[in-house]
Protein backbone atom coordinates (compact mmCIF):
# COMPACT_ATOMS: atom_id res chain seq x y z
CA MET A 1 -50.79 -176.25 231.12
CA VAL A 2 -53.18 -174.36 229.35
CA ASP A 3 -51.92 -171.56 227.40
CA ARG A 4 -53.49 -167.74 228.32
CA THR A 5 -53.30 -164.66 226.01
CA LEU A 6 -52.08 -161.27 226.41
CA SER A 7 -54.50 -158.37 226.74
CA PRO A 8 -55.89 -157.35 223.83
CA SER A 9 -53.46 -155.57 221.74
CA SER A 10 -51.74 -155.82 218.22
CA LEU A 11 -49.11 -157.64 220.43
CA HIS A 12 -50.87 -160.91 219.77
CA ASP A 13 -51.93 -160.32 216.05
CA PHE A 14 -49.68 -162.16 213.83
CA SER A 15 -49.07 -159.59 211.26
CA THR A 16 -47.09 -157.49 214.25
CA TRP A 17 -44.67 -160.67 213.97
CA GLU A 18 -44.44 -161.33 210.39
CA PRO A 19 -41.06 -158.94 209.42
CA VAL A 20 -39.26 -160.45 212.85
CA LEU A 21 -40.17 -163.93 211.56
CA ARG A 22 -39.13 -163.39 207.76
CA LEU A 23 -36.04 -161.82 208.92
CA LEU A 24 -35.67 -165.15 210.88
CA ARG A 25 -36.07 -167.23 208.08
CA ASP A 26 -34.10 -165.75 205.71
CA GLY A 27 -31.15 -165.21 208.11
CA SER A 28 -31.06 -168.17 209.54
CA THR A 29 -27.69 -170.30 209.47
CA ARG A 30 -29.77 -173.53 208.47
CA GLU A 31 -32.47 -173.96 206.15
CA ALA A 32 -35.99 -175.83 207.08
CA THR A 33 -36.70 -178.96 206.20
CA ALA A 34 -39.82 -181.35 206.07
CA SER A 35 -38.49 -183.37 208.92
CA SER A 36 -36.80 -180.74 210.82
CA PRO A 37 -38.80 -177.31 210.54
CA LEU A 38 -36.67 -174.27 211.15
CA ARG A 39 -36.92 -173.41 215.15
CA VAL A 40 -35.54 -169.93 216.61
CA THR A 41 -36.08 -168.47 219.67
CA GLY A 42 -35.34 -164.80 220.91
CA ARG A 43 -35.95 -161.60 222.81
CA ILE A 44 -37.48 -158.13 222.00
CA GLY A 45 -37.40 -155.63 224.86
CA LEU A 46 -38.49 -151.76 224.50
CA HIS A 47 -34.38 -151.22 225.34
CA GLY A 48 -33.02 -154.35 223.40
CA TRP A 49 -33.43 -157.23 221.77
CA SER A 50 -32.02 -160.78 220.80
CA LEU A 51 -32.34 -162.64 217.49
CA PRO A 52 -30.63 -165.46 216.21
CA LEU A 53 -29.62 -163.64 212.84
CA ARG A 54 -26.71 -164.67 210.65
CA ARG A 55 -24.86 -161.48 209.96
CA ARG A 56 -21.64 -160.56 207.61
CA ALA A 57 -18.60 -160.44 209.57
CA LEU A 58 -17.13 -156.80 209.39
CA PRO A 59 -13.33 -155.71 209.82
CA SER A 60 -12.63 -155.12 213.36
CA GLY A 61 -13.49 -152.00 214.68
CA ARG A 62 -16.25 -151.22 211.72
CA THR A 63 -19.72 -151.08 212.57
CA ALA A 64 -22.64 -152.48 210.25
CA PRO A 65 -23.74 -149.93 207.67
CA ALA A 66 -27.49 -148.34 208.43
CA ALA A 67 -28.58 -150.43 205.42
CA ASP A 68 -27.83 -154.09 206.90
CA THR A 69 -29.45 -153.22 209.95
CA ARG A 70 -32.38 -151.16 208.73
CA ALA A 71 -34.53 -153.80 207.96
CA GLU A 72 -33.95 -155.53 211.29
CA THR A 73 -34.76 -152.23 212.96
CA GLU A 74 -38.27 -151.80 211.49
CA ALA A 75 -39.37 -155.25 212.02
CA VAL A 76 -38.51 -155.12 215.80
CA GLU A 77 -39.43 -151.81 216.39
CA ARG A 78 -43.04 -152.79 215.13
CA VAL A 79 -42.89 -155.48 218.18
CA ARG A 80 -41.87 -152.73 220.53
CA ASP A 81 -44.63 -150.29 219.64
CA ALA A 82 -46.94 -153.14 220.06
CA LEU A 83 -45.34 -153.82 223.66
CA ALA A 84 -45.45 -150.55 224.78
CA ASP A 85 -49.01 -150.66 223.86
CA ALA A 86 -49.71 -153.78 225.94
CA GLY A 87 -47.51 -151.94 228.80
CA LEU A 88 -44.80 -154.66 228.68
CA ASP A 89 -41.00 -154.10 229.23
CA ASP A 90 -40.43 -157.00 227.06
CA ILE A 91 -41.22 -160.39 225.77
CA SER A 92 -39.55 -164.16 225.02
CA PHE A 93 -40.93 -166.16 222.01
CA THR A 94 -40.17 -169.18 220.33
CA THR A 95 -40.87 -169.90 216.63
CA LYS A 96 -41.34 -172.58 214.28
CA ILE A 97 -41.18 -172.26 210.48
CA THR A 98 -41.81 -175.17 208.33
CA PRO A 99 -40.63 -175.28 204.44
CA THR A 100 -43.80 -174.15 203.02
CA GLY A 101 -44.08 -171.17 205.24
CA GLU A 102 -46.48 -172.05 207.78
CA ALA A 103 -45.25 -170.20 210.95
CA ALA A 104 -46.02 -170.99 214.87
CA ILE A 105 -44.58 -168.46 217.27
CA ARG A 106 -45.49 -168.50 221.53
CA LEU A 107 -45.01 -165.50 223.03
CA LEU A 108 -43.80 -165.61 226.48
CA ALA A 109 -44.80 -162.10 228.51
CA ARG A 110 -42.57 -161.75 231.52
CA SER A 111 -44.56 -162.39 234.84
CA PRO A 112 -43.75 -159.34 237.27
CA ALA A 113 -42.25 -162.04 239.86
CA VAL A 114 -39.86 -162.90 237.33
CA GLU A 115 -36.53 -160.73 236.64
CA SER A 116 -35.16 -160.11 233.28
CA GLY A 117 -32.59 -162.90 232.41
CA LEU A 118 -30.21 -163.22 229.46
CA GLY A 119 -31.55 -163.63 226.04
CA PRO A 120 -34.55 -164.99 225.82
CA HIS A 121 -34.93 -166.99 228.70
CA PRO A 122 -36.17 -165.92 232.09
CA GLY A 123 -34.28 -164.82 235.24
CA ALA A 124 -34.61 -165.04 239.11
CA LEU A 125 -38.30 -165.96 240.08
CA LEU A 126 -39.20 -163.65 243.18
CA LEU A 127 -41.23 -166.31 245.16
CA VAL A 128 -41.82 -164.36 248.11
CA GLU A 129 -42.94 -160.66 247.51
CA GLY A 130 -40.83 -158.22 248.86
CA ALA A 131 -37.84 -160.46 249.79
CA VAL A 132 -34.22 -159.67 249.60
CA PRO A 133 -30.75 -161.64 249.28
CA GLN A 134 -29.39 -162.02 252.54
CA PRO A 135 -26.41 -159.53 251.99
CA TRP A 136 -28.83 -156.77 251.34
CA ARG A 137 -30.36 -157.26 254.49
CA CYS A 138 -27.05 -156.57 256.74
CA LEU A 139 -26.36 -153.98 258.86
CA PRO A 140 -23.28 -152.41 260.06
CA GLU A 141 -21.58 -153.78 262.90
CA PRO A 142 -20.98 -151.65 265.60
CA VAL A 143 -17.35 -150.19 266.46
CA PRO A 144 -17.06 -149.23 269.95
CA GLY A 145 -14.18 -146.78 270.21
CA ALA A 146 -14.22 -145.80 266.66
CA VAL A 147 -12.94 -142.14 266.45
CA ALA A 148 -12.40 -139.28 263.48
CA ALA A 149 -9.18 -139.41 262.44
CA ALA A 150 -6.44 -137.31 263.59
CA SER A 151 -6.42 -135.25 260.20
CA ALA A 152 -10.02 -134.46 260.00
CA ASP A 153 -9.87 -130.54 260.79
CA PRO A 154 -13.18 -128.85 259.68
CA ALA A 155 -11.49 -125.40 259.91
CA LEU A 156 -8.59 -125.80 257.70
CA LEU A 157 -10.68 -127.58 255.20
CA GLU A 158 -12.79 -124.53 255.13
CA ARG A 159 -9.70 -122.40 254.69
CA THR A 160 -8.24 -124.50 251.95
CA LEU A 161 -11.34 -124.29 250.02
CA ARG A 162 -11.96 -120.45 250.38
CA GLU A 163 -8.32 -119.95 248.97
CA ARG A 164 -9.18 -122.42 246.08
CA LEU A 165 -12.58 -121.04 245.45
CA PRO A 166 -12.83 -117.31 246.62
CA ASP A 167 -15.95 -116.76 244.42
CA ALA A 168 -17.58 -119.82 245.15
CA ILE A 169 -21.64 -119.46 246.76
CA GLY A 170 -21.50 -121.43 250.06
CA ALA A 171 -24.88 -122.79 251.56
CA SER A 172 -26.53 -121.50 254.24
CA GLU A 173 -27.35 -122.94 257.80
CA THR A 174 -30.92 -123.55 256.38
CA GLU A 175 -30.39 -125.14 253.36
CA MET A 176 -27.94 -127.57 255.56
CA ALA A 177 -30.60 -128.21 257.76
CA ALA A 178 -33.37 -129.05 254.97
CA ALA A 179 -30.50 -131.39 253.71
CA GLU A 180 -30.23 -133.23 257.27
CA ALA A 181 -34.18 -133.34 257.70
CA ARG A 182 -34.33 -134.87 254.66
CA LEU A 183 -31.54 -137.53 254.94
CA GLY A 184 -32.50 -138.11 258.46
CA VAL A 185 -29.03 -137.97 259.28
CA ALA A 186 -26.81 -134.85 260.91
CA LEU A 187 -24.17 -133.85 258.45
CA PRO A 188 -20.41 -134.30 259.55
CA GLU A 189 -18.92 -131.12 260.41
CA GLU A 190 -16.62 -131.67 257.77
CA LEU A 191 -19.01 -131.84 255.17
CA LYS A 192 -20.70 -128.78 256.79
CA ALA A 193 -17.76 -126.67 256.22
CA LEU A 194 -17.04 -128.30 252.75
CA TYR A 195 -21.01 -126.81 251.89
CA ARG A 196 -19.91 -123.36 253.73
CA VAL A 197 -17.67 -122.52 250.95
CA THR A 198 -19.74 -124.12 247.76
CA ARG A 199 -23.09 -125.34 247.37
CA SER A 200 -22.10 -126.54 244.03
CA LEU A 201 -25.32 -125.31 242.16
CA TRP A 202 -25.30 -124.58 238.39
CA GLU A 203 -27.20 -121.41 238.31
CA ASP A 204 -24.33 -120.02 240.76
CA TRP A 205 -21.85 -120.31 238.27
CA GLY A 206 -23.95 -118.29 235.29
CA ASP A 207 -21.44 -118.43 232.19
CA ASP A 208 -18.53 -119.03 234.18
CA HIS A 209 -18.21 -122.60 231.96
CA GLU A 210 -14.56 -123.52 233.90
CA ALA A 211 -16.38 -123.31 236.79
CA PRO A 212 -17.07 -127.02 237.50
CA ALA A 213 -13.69 -127.80 236.64
CA ARG A 214 -12.12 -125.25 238.92
CA GLU A 215 -14.49 -126.72 241.82
CA CYS A 216 -13.80 -130.41 240.85
CA ALA A 217 -9.99 -130.01 241.19
CA ALA A 218 -10.29 -127.96 244.26
CA VAL A 219 -12.28 -130.04 245.71
CA GLY A 220 -10.77 -133.55 244.63
CA CYS A 221 -14.58 -135.08 242.67
CA GLU A 222 -17.69 -134.02 241.09
CA LEU A 223 -19.33 -132.60 243.80
CA PHE A 224 -23.52 -132.80 244.33
CA PRO A 225 -25.61 -130.28 245.26
CA LEU A 226 -26.91 -130.75 248.76
CA ASP A 227 -30.25 -131.97 247.39
CA GLY A 228 -28.00 -134.29 245.40
CA LEU A 229 -26.64 -135.89 248.48
CA TYR A 230 -28.27 -139.44 249.49
CA ILE A 231 -27.61 -142.52 251.67
CA ALA A 232 -26.01 -145.39 250.02
CA ASP A 233 -27.76 -148.05 252.08
CA ALA A 234 -28.16 -151.74 250.51
CA SER A 235 -31.45 -150.25 248.91
CA SER A 236 -29.44 -147.70 246.72
CA ARG A 237 -27.68 -150.63 245.22
CA HIS A 238 -29.93 -152.64 242.92
CA CYS A 239 -29.07 -155.82 241.74
CA SER A 240 -30.63 -158.66 240.31
CA TRP A 241 -30.92 -161.70 242.45
CA THR A 242 -29.04 -164.12 240.12
CA PHE A 243 -26.26 -162.39 241.05
CA ALA A 244 -27.02 -160.35 244.91
CA ALA A 245 -27.46 -164.01 245.97
CA LYS A 246 -24.16 -165.19 245.29
CA GLU A 247 -22.57 -162.20 247.31
CA ALA A 248 -21.66 -162.25 250.91
CA VAL A 249 -20.68 -159.76 253.11
CA VAL A 250 -17.47 -160.26 254.71
CA THR A 251 -15.31 -157.50 257.12
CA PRO A 252 -12.11 -159.27 258.15
CA PRO A 253 -10.58 -158.02 261.24
CA ASP A 254 -7.89 -155.28 260.18
CA ALA A 255 -10.41 -153.40 257.22
CA ALA A 256 -10.82 -150.46 257.13
CA VAL A 257 -14.32 -150.28 255.58
CA GLN A 258 -17.27 -152.86 256.09
CA GLY A 259 -18.16 -155.30 253.64
CA LEU A 260 -21.42 -154.24 253.30
CA VAL A 261 -23.95 -153.64 250.21
CA GLY A 262 -24.66 -150.51 251.78
CA SER A 263 -25.02 -148.66 255.09
CA PRO A 264 -26.92 -146.03 256.69
CA GLY A 265 -23.85 -144.12 257.50
CA TRP A 266 -22.47 -143.71 254.21
CA ILE A 267 -23.38 -140.25 252.82
CA VAL A 268 -22.57 -139.97 249.46
CA PHE A 269 -21.72 -136.32 248.14
CA GLY A 270 -19.85 -137.06 244.82
CA ASP A 271 -18.39 -138.88 241.69
CA ASN A 272 -15.17 -139.61 240.69
CA GLY A 273 -16.12 -138.69 236.82
CA GLY A 274 -16.87 -142.28 236.15
CA GLY A 275 -19.86 -143.50 237.82
CA ASP A 276 -17.88 -144.23 241.15
CA ARG A 277 -19.23 -142.68 243.98
CA LEU A 278 -17.87 -141.04 246.67
CA ALA A 279 -19.26 -141.08 250.11
CA VAL A 280 -18.49 -140.05 253.54
CA ASP A 281 -18.15 -143.04 256.34
CA LEU A 282 -19.86 -142.65 259.51
CA THR A 283 -20.03 -146.57 260.20
CA PRO A 284 -16.32 -147.61 259.50
CA ALA A 285 -14.85 -151.27 260.36
CA PRO A 286 -12.25 -151.59 263.19
CA HIS A 287 -9.23 -150.23 261.75
CA GLY A 288 -11.20 -147.25 260.18
CA HIS A 289 -12.35 -143.79 260.96
CA ILE A 290 -15.53 -142.14 261.48
CA GLY A 291 -16.06 -139.79 258.57
CA GLN A 292 -12.94 -141.44 256.39
CA ILE A 293 -14.12 -141.15 252.36
CA ILE A 294 -14.46 -144.04 250.63
CA MET A 295 -15.38 -145.23 247.14
CA ILE A 296 -18.15 -147.14 246.05
CA GLY A 297 -17.89 -149.16 242.87
CA HIS A 298 -20.59 -148.90 240.00
CA GLU A 299 -18.80 -152.17 238.85
CA GLU A 300 -19.21 -154.00 242.09
CA ASN A 301 -22.52 -155.26 243.86
CA ILE A 302 -20.73 -154.74 247.33
CA GLY A 303 -18.21 -153.19 249.64
CA ALA A 304 -15.92 -150.01 249.13
CA ALA A 305 -12.70 -148.86 248.81
CA LEU A 306 -10.72 -146.56 251.32
CA VAL A 307 -9.70 -143.10 249.58
CA ALA A 308 -8.83 -141.17 252.61
CA ASP A 309 -9.15 -140.97 255.95
CA SER A 310 -11.08 -137.55 256.34
CA LEU A 311 -12.27 -135.30 254.09
CA THR A 312 -9.46 -133.02 255.08
CA ASP A 313 -7.13 -135.46 253.82
CA LEU A 314 -9.17 -135.36 250.37
CA VAL A 315 -9.24 -131.99 249.77
CA THR A 316 -5.63 -131.59 250.59
CA GLY A 317 -4.25 -134.46 248.84
CA ARG A 318 -3.31 -136.90 251.44
CA LEU A 319 -4.91 -140.22 249.93
CA GLY A 320 -4.93 -143.19 251.69
CA ASP A 321 -3.60 -146.25 251.07
CA PRO A 322 -6.03 -149.80 250.91
CA ARG A 323 -4.98 -150.88 254.08
CA GLY A 324 -6.79 -153.47 256.03
CA GLY A 325 -8.75 -156.59 254.58
CA ALA A 326 -6.20 -158.04 252.31
CA ARG A 327 -5.43 -160.90 255.13
CA GLU A 328 -8.14 -163.34 255.62
CA ASP A 329 -7.70 -166.69 257.78
CA ARG A 330 -11.28 -167.97 257.49
CA PRO A 331 -12.27 -170.37 254.51
CA PRO A 332 -14.35 -168.50 251.97
CA ALA A 333 -18.18 -167.86 252.61
CA VAL A 334 -18.36 -168.08 248.85
CA ALA A 335 -16.96 -170.98 247.11
CA HIS A 336 -16.77 -171.96 243.30
CA VAL A 337 -16.45 -175.28 242.42
CA ASN A 338 -15.31 -175.88 238.83
CA VAL A 339 -12.20 -177.38 236.39
CA ARG A 340 -10.46 -174.02 237.30
CA SER A 341 -11.15 -173.79 240.81
CA LEU A 342 -12.26 -176.19 243.75
CA PRO A 343 -11.74 -179.55 242.62
CA SER A 344 -14.38 -180.67 245.20
CA ILE A 345 -17.51 -180.31 247.04
CA GLU A 346 -15.52 -181.14 249.86
CA ALA A 347 -12.88 -179.04 249.46
CA ALA A 348 -15.78 -175.91 249.75
CA ALA A 349 -17.55 -177.91 252.92
CA HIS A 350 -16.97 -175.64 256.27
CA PRO A 351 -19.25 -174.40 258.81
CA GLY A 352 -19.38 -170.47 257.64
CA LEU A 353 -20.16 -171.52 254.13
CA GLU A 354 -22.74 -169.31 252.38
CA VAL A 355 -23.07 -169.46 248.75
CA LEU A 356 -21.69 -172.87 246.45
CA SER A 357 -21.72 -172.08 242.85
CA ILE A 358 -21.09 -175.36 240.86
CA GLY A 359 -19.65 -174.40 237.64
CA VAL A 360 -18.70 -176.26 234.33
CA TRP A 361 -17.49 -180.03 235.47
CA ASP A 362 -16.13 -182.75 232.94
CA ALA A 363 -15.61 -185.27 235.57
CA GLU A 364 -18.30 -187.17 237.61
CA PRO A 365 -21.27 -185.61 238.87
CA LEU A 366 -20.83 -184.53 242.40
CA SER A 367 -22.68 -185.33 245.46
CA LEU A 368 -23.80 -182.51 247.93
CA ALA A 369 -23.21 -184.42 250.89
CA PRO A 370 -20.08 -182.63 252.16
CA VAL A 371 -22.54 -179.83 252.33
CA VAL A 372 -25.99 -181.00 253.85
CA GLY A 373 -26.72 -179.78 257.40
CA LEU A 374 -24.23 -176.76 256.79
CA PRO A 375 -26.01 -173.81 259.06
CA ARG A 376 -25.53 -171.32 256.63
CA LEU A 377 -25.33 -172.39 253.23
CA ARG A 378 -28.28 -170.41 251.75
CA THR A 379 -27.07 -170.23 248.05
CA LEU A 380 -27.01 -173.12 245.84
CA ALA A 381 -26.06 -172.56 241.89
CA ALA A 382 -25.16 -175.52 239.83
CA TYR A 383 -24.51 -175.73 236.16
CA PRO A 384 -26.79 -177.96 234.55
CA GLY A 385 -26.03 -181.98 234.80
CA THR A 386 -23.32 -181.60 237.52
CA LEU A 387 -25.46 -182.97 240.34
CA ALA A 388 -25.39 -186.75 241.18
CA ASP A 389 -28.75 -186.65 242.93
CA PRO A 390 -30.47 -183.51 243.00
CA LEU A 391 -33.07 -184.87 246.05
CA GLU A 392 -29.78 -184.35 248.10
CA ILE A 393 -31.12 -180.38 247.55
CA ALA A 394 -33.49 -181.67 250.36
CA GLY A 395 -31.10 -181.61 252.95
CA LEU A 396 -29.65 -178.05 252.34
CA THR A 397 -32.10 -176.64 255.14
CA ALA A 398 -30.75 -172.96 254.98
CA LEU A 399 -31.03 -172.27 251.52
CA GLU A 400 -33.26 -169.06 250.60
CA TYR A 401 -31.86 -169.11 246.35
CA LEU A 402 -31.46 -172.05 244.30
CA GLU A 403 -30.13 -172.22 240.66
CA VAL A 404 -29.94 -175.30 238.88
CA GLY A 405 -30.72 -176.92 235.22
CA PRO A 406 -34.51 -177.54 233.75
CA GLU A 407 -33.70 -181.30 234.65
CA GLU A 408 -32.92 -180.85 238.04
CA TRP A 409 -36.13 -178.96 238.87
CA ARG A 410 -38.20 -181.21 237.14
CA VAL A 411 -36.71 -184.45 239.62
CA LEU A 412 -37.76 -181.95 242.48
CA LEU A 413 -41.23 -181.06 241.35
CA ASP A 414 -41.59 -184.51 240.37
CA ALA A 415 -41.02 -186.07 243.89
CA GLY A 416 -42.29 -182.68 245.71
CA ALA A 417 -39.12 -181.86 247.11
CA VAL A 418 -38.90 -178.34 246.03
CA PRO A 419 -37.60 -176.44 248.98
CA ARG A 420 -40.25 -174.52 250.13
CA GLY A 421 -38.40 -172.18 252.07
CA LEU A 422 -36.79 -170.75 248.93
CA SER A 423 -37.11 -166.76 248.80
CA ALA A 424 -36.08 -166.83 245.08
CA ALA A 425 -34.99 -169.72 242.69
CA ALA A 426 -33.58 -169.68 239.06
CA VAL A 427 -33.41 -172.26 236.22
CA LYS A 428 -30.18 -172.24 235.11
CA VAL A 429 -29.86 -173.22 231.09
CA HIS A 430 -26.99 -173.16 228.63
CA GLY A 431 -27.00 -172.85 224.97
CA ASP A 432 -30.14 -172.70 222.99
CA GLU A 433 -32.25 -174.79 225.11
CA ASP A 434 -36.13 -174.10 224.45
CA VAL A 435 -37.96 -171.55 226.23
CA VAL A 436 -41.27 -173.52 226.42
CA PRO A 437 -40.23 -176.44 228.54
CA VAL A 438 -38.20 -173.84 230.56
CA GLY A 439 -41.21 -171.54 230.68
CA ALA A 440 -43.38 -174.47 231.93
CA VAL A 441 -40.80 -175.39 234.89
CA VAL A 442 -40.84 -171.59 235.71
CA ASN A 443 -44.68 -171.53 236.29
CA GLU A 444 -45.05 -174.75 237.76
CA LEU A 445 -42.05 -172.92 240.09
CA LEU A 446 -44.36 -169.87 240.63
CA ALA A 447 -47.59 -171.71 240.95
CA LEU A 448 -46.37 -173.35 244.47
CA TRP A 449 -45.87 -170.28 245.78
CA GLY A 450 -48.92 -168.62 244.33
CA ARG A 451 -46.94 -166.17 242.38
CA PRO A 452 -48.39 -164.69 239.26
CA GLN A 453 -47.10 -166.99 235.96
CA ILE A 454 -45.71 -166.00 232.60
CA ILE A 455 -48.33 -165.84 230.19
CA ARG A 456 -48.02 -167.87 227.27
CA THR A 457 -49.72 -166.91 223.85
CA LEU A 458 -49.78 -169.26 220.68
CA LEU A 459 -49.94 -167.01 217.27
CA ARG A 460 -50.31 -169.17 213.82
CA GLY A 461 -49.70 -167.75 210.12
CA ASP A 462 -48.66 -168.56 206.64
CA LEU A 463 -45.14 -166.79 205.24
CA GLY A 464 -45.24 -168.58 201.95
CA PRO A 465 -42.69 -170.31 200.77
CA VAL A 466 -39.29 -168.82 200.50
CA PRO A 467 -38.91 -166.54 197.63
């Protein structure tokens, strides 16, 4: 495959990379030999970098002195400046350095059709422009007969807050109408009652630095102003394909909250102080209530937890229990086969299976025959070397995401058997696998869908012998 060059910039000047290459040579755990040149890979981005450097051990809890990292930081900054000039966020590289100092570095600039990955390797490949994983396409199921909790009492809520916040400035009906127009949804009466008492604007507090804490204690969360309200639909919860494709939307029949990524009926109005968002839920599960308060965790990709049956309950301290959703008699939609979880593909197979992840495996490679033809199996992620016959993947007719190792992809590519119904894919690597052959597989896959490829540039130079 022919190398292409980046747009003209200092990024593909050898001198830009020379300090990094010297660091890699001097800080490597081994020395280059005539028969085995030093080969290392890494990644440098505007928001971080990954370089395989030998670092001295430090006592627990201690950070490296600035002098220890200054040379590394200065070398990386030269590359980051060049990245910024070239309009790139990050770049991976692989380099070969001989004992005499001859160096070759191959740059791999990420395609707009490739997500960032861990270390130097590419993340998920976006084969279909604008496609999103199936859980992110799920809308709430209607729940006929759903009603507000008996505890929902806008008048009591407003009286309680006025007693706690007698000097607060409330929002006008005009301001609330503007918020409704922006959101495209009517604000629930309890939420209106809250904002009639306080509109939670910093400028209203002036020099009263204790006001935010009083408001937080009065309401039960860090309240957003009206212009901070937003709908927590699926698009508000960004997640890379690598993780999102391995989730599944499941709402048990006894759940209070639907197991969604997001909903057009989740109106976020506050934060718990730790990054988790509180929302009024207008699309509850069968055992929930319209207007219940839920918490959307910032460490989870999917689902939300019940906090209170109503906003009145939240303010008055009558918090709900995490009822519902604990009992699930159906086989799981997401199955993990590895040395610590399910012992076989047969144990994972059932008609409702959506995601099959095959992890570390110390027995004979596995056959996919038990899951061939399953109607809902949309994701397969298999650790390299765990599949007995990668061509069996062709029998998984509902796949939209496939993640296998470079050798498995090579079998599929050579046989013309790459599933064409895929929306995204990934090349699973482990250890310090060379990024060049991985990049070649990535580009072949991108080419099948006519997507922008990874741009590869080869630079050569001389570092001179080790001093």
